[in-house]
Amino acid sequence: MADDKDLSGLDWFKRNHAKYPNSAKIADLDSGFKSNVKAFTDALKAAGAKVTVSATLRNPKRAALMHWAFKVAKGKVKAAAVPKIAGVRITWDHGDDSKSVAAAAEMVGKSGFNIAFQPSLTSRHIQGKAIDMTITWSKSLTIKNRKGEDVTIDSAPTNGRNKELHKVGATYGVVKLVSDPPHWSTDGR
């Protein structure tokens, strides 16, 4: 059995997750996508929308931790089968499947990574080609598309789930992943 301090779970998360930081800065995105996102978010703000960025560039070690924690927590893989993550000291297998699953669930939960969807090992976030942002406005929104044309959005919802807003974002090369509320990327994945 591994050293207890290496056992997965909320205690491990609290002690170690800061070693594998993500970014929430647009400046950290891949250069081509960064300019597209900057233009889109500038247009949103100029139109009166509120934009809150929660994630841009994801640390690949953090992505792997999130991926495997989710898989173990959901019973999609046994803790003993999780491959080693280079440069990360963590032991997923607690010697008992139910304890391993419970520990991974703590890491996935609200006090841990707060994961709602299966994290990818090949996420656009790792490549700097995705952004998670919350977009809101009240009443109608008149925003310029990439061509500089005004587009008025009067339909609900008045947030990043609005299909008309998705079309405007696409003109900037910022494509909405509809199944993941805050996620936009180069290709909608």
C-alpha atoms as a PDB file:
ATOM      1  CA  MET A   1       0.000   0.000   0.000  1.00  0.00           C
ATOM      2  CA  ALA A   2       1.222   3.499  -0.801  1.00  0.00           C
ATOM      3  CA  ASP A   3       1.976   6.223   1.691  1.00  0.00           C
ATOM      4  CA  ASP A   4      -1.364   7.542   3.026  1.00  0.00           C
ATOM      5  CA  LYS A   5      -0.505  11.072   1.894  1.00  0.00           C
ATOM      6  CA  ASP A   6      -0.525   9.816  -1.709  1.00  0.00           C
ATOM      7  CA  LEU A   7      -4.008   8.242  -1.470  1.00  0.00           C
ATOM      8  CA  SER A   8      -6.581   9.922  -3.681  1.00  0.00           C
ATOM      9  CA  GLY A   9      -9.459  11.784  -2.102  1.00  0.00           C
ATOM     10  CA  LEU A  10     -10.407  15.224  -0.888  1.00  0.00           C
ATOM     11  CA  ASP A  11      -7.377  15.474   1.424  1.00  0.00           C
ATOM     12  CA  TRP A  12      -5.063  14.730  -1.518  1.00  0.00           C
ATOM     13  CA  PHE A  13      -6.929  17.310  -3.613  1.00  0.00           C
ATOM     14  CA  LYS A  14      -6.603  20.017  -0.961  1.00  0.00           C
ATOM     15  CA  ARG A  15      -2.869  19.384  -0.524  1.00  0.00           C
ATOM     16  CA  ASN A  16      -1.931  18.972  -4.172  1.00  0.00           C
ATOM     17  CA  HIS A  17      -4.284  20.469  -6.752  1.00  0.00           C
ATOM     18  CA  ALA A  18      -2.580  23.880  -6.677  1.00  0.00           C
ATOM     19  CA  LYS A  19       0.574  22.228  -8.062  1.00  0.00           C
ATOM     20  CA  TYR A  20      -1.268  21.729 -11.358  1.00  0.00           C
ATOM     21  CA  PRO A  21      -2.910  25.098 -12.048  1.00  0.00           C
ATOM     22  CA  ASN A  22      -5.132  25.965 -14.954  1.00  0.00           C
ATOM     23  CA  SER A  23      -5.343  29.416 -16.454  1.00  0.00           C
ATOM     24  CA  ALA A  24      -8.368  31.659 -16.805  1.00  0.00           C
ATOM     25  CA  LYS A  25      -6.468  34.219 -18.891  1.00  0.00           C
ATOM     26  CA  ILE A  26      -7.332  34.822 -22.527  1.00  0.00           C
ATOM     27  CA  ALA A  27      -3.665  35.770 -23.017  1.00  0.00           C
ATOM     28  CA  ASP A  28      -2.676  32.131 -22.356  1.00  0.00           C
ATOM     29  CA  LEU A  29      -4.686  30.745 -25.289  1.00  0.00           C
ATOM     30  CA  ASP A  30      -3.164  29.556 -28.574  1.00  0.00           C
ATOM     31  CA  SER A  31      -2.308  32.699 -30.577  1.00  0.00           C
ATOM     32  CA  GLY A  32      -4.871  32.273 -33.381  1.00  0.00           C
ATOM     33  CA  PHE A  33      -7.700  31.345 -31.047  1.00  0.00           C
ATOM     34  CA  LYS A  34      -6.637  34.040 -28.577  1.00  0.00           C
ATOM     35  CA  SER A  35      -7.178  36.794 -31.160  1.00  0.00           C
ATOM     36  CA  ASN A  36     -10.581  35.344 -32.092  1.00  0.00           C
ATOM     37  CA  VAL A  37     -11.687  35.116 -28.457  1.00  0.00           C
ATOM     38  CA  LYS A  38     -10.428  38.629 -27.730  1.00  0.00           C
ATOM     39  CA  ALA A  39     -12.397  40.036 -30.672  1.00  0.00           C
ATOM     40  CA  PHE A  40     -15.558  38.117 -29.666  1.00  0.00           C
ATOM     41  CA  THR A  41     -15.380  39.050 -25.980  1.00  0.00           C
ATOM     42  CA  ASP A  42     -14.628  42.679 -26.877  1.00  0.00           C
ATOM     43  CA  ALA A  43     -17.757  42.692 -29.081  1.00  0.00           C
ATOM     44  CA  LEU A  44     -19.799  41.127 -26.262  1.00  0.00           C
ATOM     45  CA  LYS A  45     -18.639  43.708 -23.740  1.00  0.00           C
ATOM     46  CA  ALA A  46     -19.175  46.591 -26.185  1.00  0.00           C
ATOM     47  CA  ALA A  47     -22.757  45.324 -26.630  1.00  0.00           C
ATOM     48  CA  GLY A  48     -23.310  45.392 -22.857  1.00  0.00           C
ATOM     49  CA  ALA A  49     -22.942  41.680 -22.088  1.00  0.00           C
ATOM     50  CA  LYS A  50     -21.170  40.472 -18.957  1.00  0.00           C
ATOM     51  CA  VAL A  51     -18.393  37.954 -19.663  1.00  0.00           C
ATOM     52  CA  THR A  52     -16.770  35.913 -16.890  1.00  0.00           C
ATOM     53  CA  VAL A  53     -13.938  33.591 -17.926  1.00  0.00           C
ATOM     54  CA  SER A  54     -13.494  30.535 -15.708  1.00  0.00           C
ATOM     55  CA  ALA A  55     -10.959  28.456 -17.692  1.00  0.00           C
ATOM     56  CA  THR A  56      -8.676  28.720 -20.690  1.00  0.00           C
ATOM     57  CA  LEU A  57      -5.422  26.750 -20.808  1.00  0.00           C
ATOM     58  CA  ARG A  58      -5.594  23.498 -18.833  1.00  0.00           C
ATOM     59  CA  ASN A  59      -2.555  21.905 -17.236  1.00  0.00           C
ATOM     60  CA  PRO A  60      -2.203  18.419 -18.827  1.00  0.00           C
ATOM     61  CA  LYS A  61      -1.486  16.808 -15.437  1.00  0.00           C
ATOM     62  CA  ARG A  62      -4.593  18.406 -13.982  1.00  0.00           C
ATOM     63  CA  ALA A  63      -6.580  17.184 -16.998  1.00  0.00           C
ATOM     64  CA  ALA A  64      -5.347  13.634 -16.367  1.00  0.00           C
ATOM     65  CA  LEU A  65      -6.221  13.873 -12.670  1.00  0.00           C
ATOM     66  CA  MET A  66      -9.706  15.107 -13.501  1.00  0.00           C
ATOM     67  CA  HIS A  67     -10.172  12.456 -16.218  1.00  0.00           C
ATOM     68  CA  TRP A  68      -9.187   9.507 -14.033  1.00  0.00           C
ATOM     69  CA  ALA A  69     -10.957  10.769 -10.916  1.00  0.00           C
ATOM     70  CA  PHE A  70     -14.188  10.987 -12.917  1.00  0.00           C
ATOM     71  CA  LYS A  71     -13.706   7.525 -14.463  1.00  0.00           C
ATOM     72  CA  VAL A  72     -13.037   5.880 -11.092  1.00  0.00           C
ATOM     73  CA  ALA A  73     -15.857   7.799  -9.354  1.00  0.00           C
ATOM     74  CA  LYS A  74     -18.374   6.732 -11.997  1.00  0.00           C
ATOM     75  CA  GLY A  75     -17.214   3.099 -11.971  1.00  0.00           C
ATOM     76  CA  LYS A  76     -15.973   3.273 -15.557  1.00  0.00           C
ATOM     77  CA  VAL A  77     -12.515   2.003 -14.580  1.00  0.00           C
ATOM     78  CA  LYS A  78     -11.095   0.220 -11.550  1.00  0.00           C
ATOM     79  CA  ALA A  79      -8.698   2.316  -9.477  1.00  0.00           C
ATOM     80  CA  ALA A  80      -5.993  -0.338  -9.854  1.00  0.00           C
ATOM     81  CA  ALA A  81      -6.166   0.064 -13.649  1.00  0.00           C
ATOM     82  CA  VAL A  82      -5.501   3.833 -13.702  1.00  0.00           C
ATOM     83  CA  PRO A  83      -2.163   4.460 -15.419  1.00  0.00           C
ATOM     84  CA  LYS A  84       0.565   6.466 -13.713  1.00  0.00           C
ATOM     85  CA  ILE A  85       0.525  10.186 -14.443  1.00  0.00           C
ATOM     86  CA  ALA A  86       4.113  11.330 -15.004  1.00  0.00           C
ATOM     87  CA  GLY A  87       5.169  13.807 -12.334  1.00  0.00           C
ATOM     88  CA  VAL A  88       2.128  13.222 -10.104  1.00  0.00           C
ATOM     89  CA  ARG A  89       2.253  11.281  -6.831  1.00  0.00           C
ATOM     90  CA  ILE A  90      -1.213   9.817  -6.336  1.00  0.00           C
ATOM     91  CA  THR A  91      -2.485   6.359  -5.517  1.00  0.00           C
ATOM     92  CA  TRP A  92      -5.993   5.691  -6.789  1.00  0.00           C
ATOM     93  CA  ASP A  93      -6.311   2.148  -5.385  1.00  0.00           C
ATOM     94  CA  HIS A  94      -7.197   2.192  -1.665  1.00  0.00           C
ATOM     95  CA  GLY A  95      -7.178  -1.619  -1.504  1.00  0.00           C
ATOM     96  CA  ASP A  96     -10.983  -1.688  -1.547  1.00  0.00           C
ATOM     97  CA  ASP A  97     -13.075  -0.764  -4.581  1.00  0.00           C
ATOM     98  CA  SER A  98     -15.742   1.073  -2.600  1.00  0.00           C
ATOM     99  CA  LYS A  99     -13.126   3.188  -0.776  1.00  0.00           C
ATOM    100  CA  SER A 100     -11.374   3.968  -4.062  1.00  0.00           C
ATOM    101  CA  VAL A 101     -14.640   5.023  -5.694  1.00  0.00           C
ATOM    102  CA  ALA A 102     -15.626   7.157  -2.689  1.00  0.00           C
ATOM    103  CA  ALA A 103     -12.234   8.907  -2.670  1.00  0.00           C
ATOM    104  CA  ALA A 104     -12.433   9.632  -6.401  1.00  0.00           C
ATOM    105  CA  ALA A 105     -15.998  10.905  -5.943  1.00  0.00           C
ATOM    106  CA  GLU A 106     -14.704  13.374  -3.326  1.00  0.00           C
ATOM    107  CA  MET A 107     -12.215  14.696  -5.868  1.00  0.00           C
ATOM    108  CA  VAL A 108     -14.923  15.018  -8.531  1.00  0.00           C
ATOM    109  CA  GLY A 109     -17.410  16.705  -6.170  1.00  0.00           C
ATOM    110  CA  LYS A 110     -18.098  20.347  -5.383  1.00  0.00           C
ATOM    111  CA  SER A 111     -15.325  20.590  -2.789  1.00  0.00           C
ATOM    112  CA  GLY A 112     -12.876  19.095  -5.287  1.00  0.00           C
ATOM    113  CA  PHE A 113     -12.592  19.651  -9.034  1.00  0.00           C
ATOM    114  CA  ASN A 114     -16.375  20.230  -9.284  1.00  0.00           C
ATOM    115  CA  ILE A 115     -16.688  18.185 -12.480  1.00  0.00           C
ATOM    116  CA  ALA A 116     -20.006  17.888 -14.302  1.00  0.00           C
ATOM    117  CA  PHE A 117     -18.857  16.207 -17.539  1.00  0.00           C
ATOM    118  CA  GLN A 118     -16.251  13.546 -18.368  1.00  0.00           C
ATOM    119  CA  PRO A 119     -12.935  15.432 -18.737  1.00  0.00           C
ATOM    120  CA  SER A 120     -10.896  14.599 -21.805  1.00  0.00           C
ATOM    121  CA  LEU A 121      -7.230  13.720 -22.001  1.00  0.00           C
ATOM    122  CA  THR A 122      -7.123  15.505 -25.365  1.00  0.00           C
ATOM    123  CA  SER A 123      -9.233  18.530 -24.476  1.00  0.00           C
ATOM    124  CA  ARG A 124      -9.029  21.670 -26.554  1.00  0.00           C
ATOM    125  CA  HIS A 125      -8.252  23.340 -23.210  1.00  0.00           C
ATOM    126  CA  ILE A 126      -4.926  21.472 -23.058  1.00  0.00           C
ATOM    127  CA  GLN A 127      -4.136  22.793 -26.545  1.00  0.00           C
ATOM    128  CA  GLY A 128      -5.118  26.361 -25.639  1.00  0.00           C
ATOM    129  CA  LYS A 129      -7.999  26.163 -28.115  1.00  0.00           C
ATOM    130  CA  ALA A 130     -10.959  26.331 -25.710  1.00  0.00           C
ATOM    131  CA  ILE A 131     -12.432  28.711 -23.186  1.00  0.00           C
ATOM    132  CA  ASP A 132     -15.072  28.308 -20.510  1.00  0.00           C
ATOM    133  CA  MET A 133     -16.939  31.553 -20.024  1.00  0.00           C
ATOM    134  CA  THR A 134     -20.273  32.626 -18.638  1.00  0.00           C
ATOM    135  CA  ILE A 135     -22.032  35.216 -20.783  1.00  0.00           C
ATOM    136  CA  THR A 136     -25.148  37.094 -19.650  1.00  0.00           C
ATOM    137  CA  TRP A 137     -27.146  40.175 -20.646  1.00  0.00           C
ATOM    138  CA  SER A 138     -30.571  41.643 -19.993  1.00  0.00           C
ATOM    139  CA  LYS A 139     -33.331  42.332 -22.501  1.00  0.00           C
ATOM    140  CA  SER A 140     -31.937  42.381 -26.052  1.00  0.00           C
ATOM    141  CA  LEU A 141     -28.321  42.344 -27.192  1.00  0.00           C
ATOM    142  CA  THR A 142     -27.067  44.134 -30.286  1.00  0.00           C
ATOM    143  CA  ILE A 143     -23.623  42.780 -31.073  1.00  0.00           C
ATOM    144  CA  LYS A 144     -21.320  43.150 -34.045  1.00  0.00           C
ATOM    145  CA  ASN A 145     -20.370  39.956 -35.867  1.00  0.00           C
ATOM    146  CA  ARG A 146     -16.866  39.481 -37.301  1.00  0.00           C
ATOM    147  CA  LYS A 147     -17.838  41.432 -40.449  1.00  0.00           C
ATOM    148  CA  GLY A 148     -18.844  44.401 -38.279  1.00  0.00           C
ATOM    149  CA  GLU A 149     -22.562  43.912 -38.956  1.00  0.00           C
ATOM    150  CA  ASP A 150     -25.014  44.510 -36.115  1.00  0.00           C
ATOM    151  CA  VAL A 151     -26.911  41.423 -34.978  1.00  0.00           C
ATOM    152  CA  THR A 152     -29.764  41.981 -32.536  1.00  0.00           C
ATOM    153  CA  ILE A 153     -30.616  39.061 -30.284  1.00  0.00           C
ATOM    154  CA  ASP A 154     -34.109  39.364 -28.788  1.00  0.00           C
ATOM    155  CA  SER A 155     -34.638  35.675 -28.045  1.00  0.00           C
ATOM    156  CA  ALA A 156     -34.199  33.808 -24.797  1.00  0.00           C
ATOM    157  CA  PRO A 157     -32.163  32.742 -23.026  1.00  0.00           C
ATOM    158  CA  THR A 158     -30.130  35.863 -22.378  1.00  0.00           C
ATOM    159  CA  ASN A 159     -26.930  33.932 -21.788  1.00  0.00           C
ATOM    160  CA  GLY A 160     -24.291  31.793 -23.478  1.00  0.00           C
ATOM    161  CA  ARG A 161     -26.875  29.122 -24.344  1.00  0.00           C
ATOM    162  CA  ASN A 162     -28.571  31.406 -26.868  1.00  0.00           C
ATOM    163  CA  LYS A 163     -28.465  29.833 -30.356  1.00  0.00           C
ATOM    164  CA  GLU A 164     -28.318  33.205 -32.088  1.00  0.00           C
ATOM    165  CA  LEU A 165     -25.272  34.103 -30.002  1.00  0.00           C
ATOM    166  CA  HIS A 166     -23.676  30.803 -31.051  1.00  0.00           C
ATOM    167  CA  LYS A 167     -23.979  31.930 -34.688  1.00  0.00           C
ATOM    168  CA  VAL A 168     -22.311  35.252 -33.876  1.00  0.00           C
ATOM    169  CA  GLY A 169     -19.522  33.471 -31.987  1.00  0.00           C
ATOM    170  CA  ALA A 170     -18.918  31.207 -34.988  1.00  0.00           C
ATOM    171  CA  THR A 171     -18.246  34.261 -37.180  1.00  0.00           C
ATOM    172  CA  TYR A 172     -15.284  34.931 -34.879  1.00  0.00           C
ATOM    173  CA  GLY A 173     -14.105  31.305 -34.997  1.00  0.00           C
ATOM    174  CA  VAL A 174     -15.347  30.759 -31.420  1.00  0.00           C
ATOM    175  CA  VAL A 175     -17.672  27.754 -31.613  1.00  0.00           C
ATOM    176  CA  LYS A 176     -20.119  26.693 -28.875  1.00  0.00           C
ATOM    177  CA  LEU A 177     -20.237  23.170 -27.452  1.00  0.00           C
ATOM    178  CA  VAL A 178     -23.983  23.086 -26.789  1.00  0.00           C
ATOM    179  CA  SER A 179     -23.848  20.229 -24.270  1.00  0.00           C
ATOM    180  CA  ASP A 180     -21.407  22.084 -21.979  1.00  0.00           C
ATOM    181  CA  PRO A 181     -22.832  25.465 -20.878  1.00  0.00           C
ATOM    182  CA  PRO A 182     -19.629  27.522 -20.528  1.00  0.00           C
ATOM    183  CA  HIS A 183     -17.485  25.783 -23.193  1.00  0.00           C
ATOM    184  CA  TRP A 184     -16.477  27.412 -26.502  1.00  0.00           C
ATOM    185  CA  SER A 185     -13.604  26.297 -28.716  1.00  0.00           C
ATOM    186  CA  THR A 186     -12.082  26.359 -32.201  1.00  0.00           C
ATOM    187  CA  ASP A 187     -14.392  23.583 -33.367  1.00  0.00           C
ATOM    188  CA  GLY A 188     -17.137  23.109 -30.759  1.00  0.00           C
ATOM    189  CA  ARG A 189     -15.409  20.167 -29.089  1.00  0.00           C
END
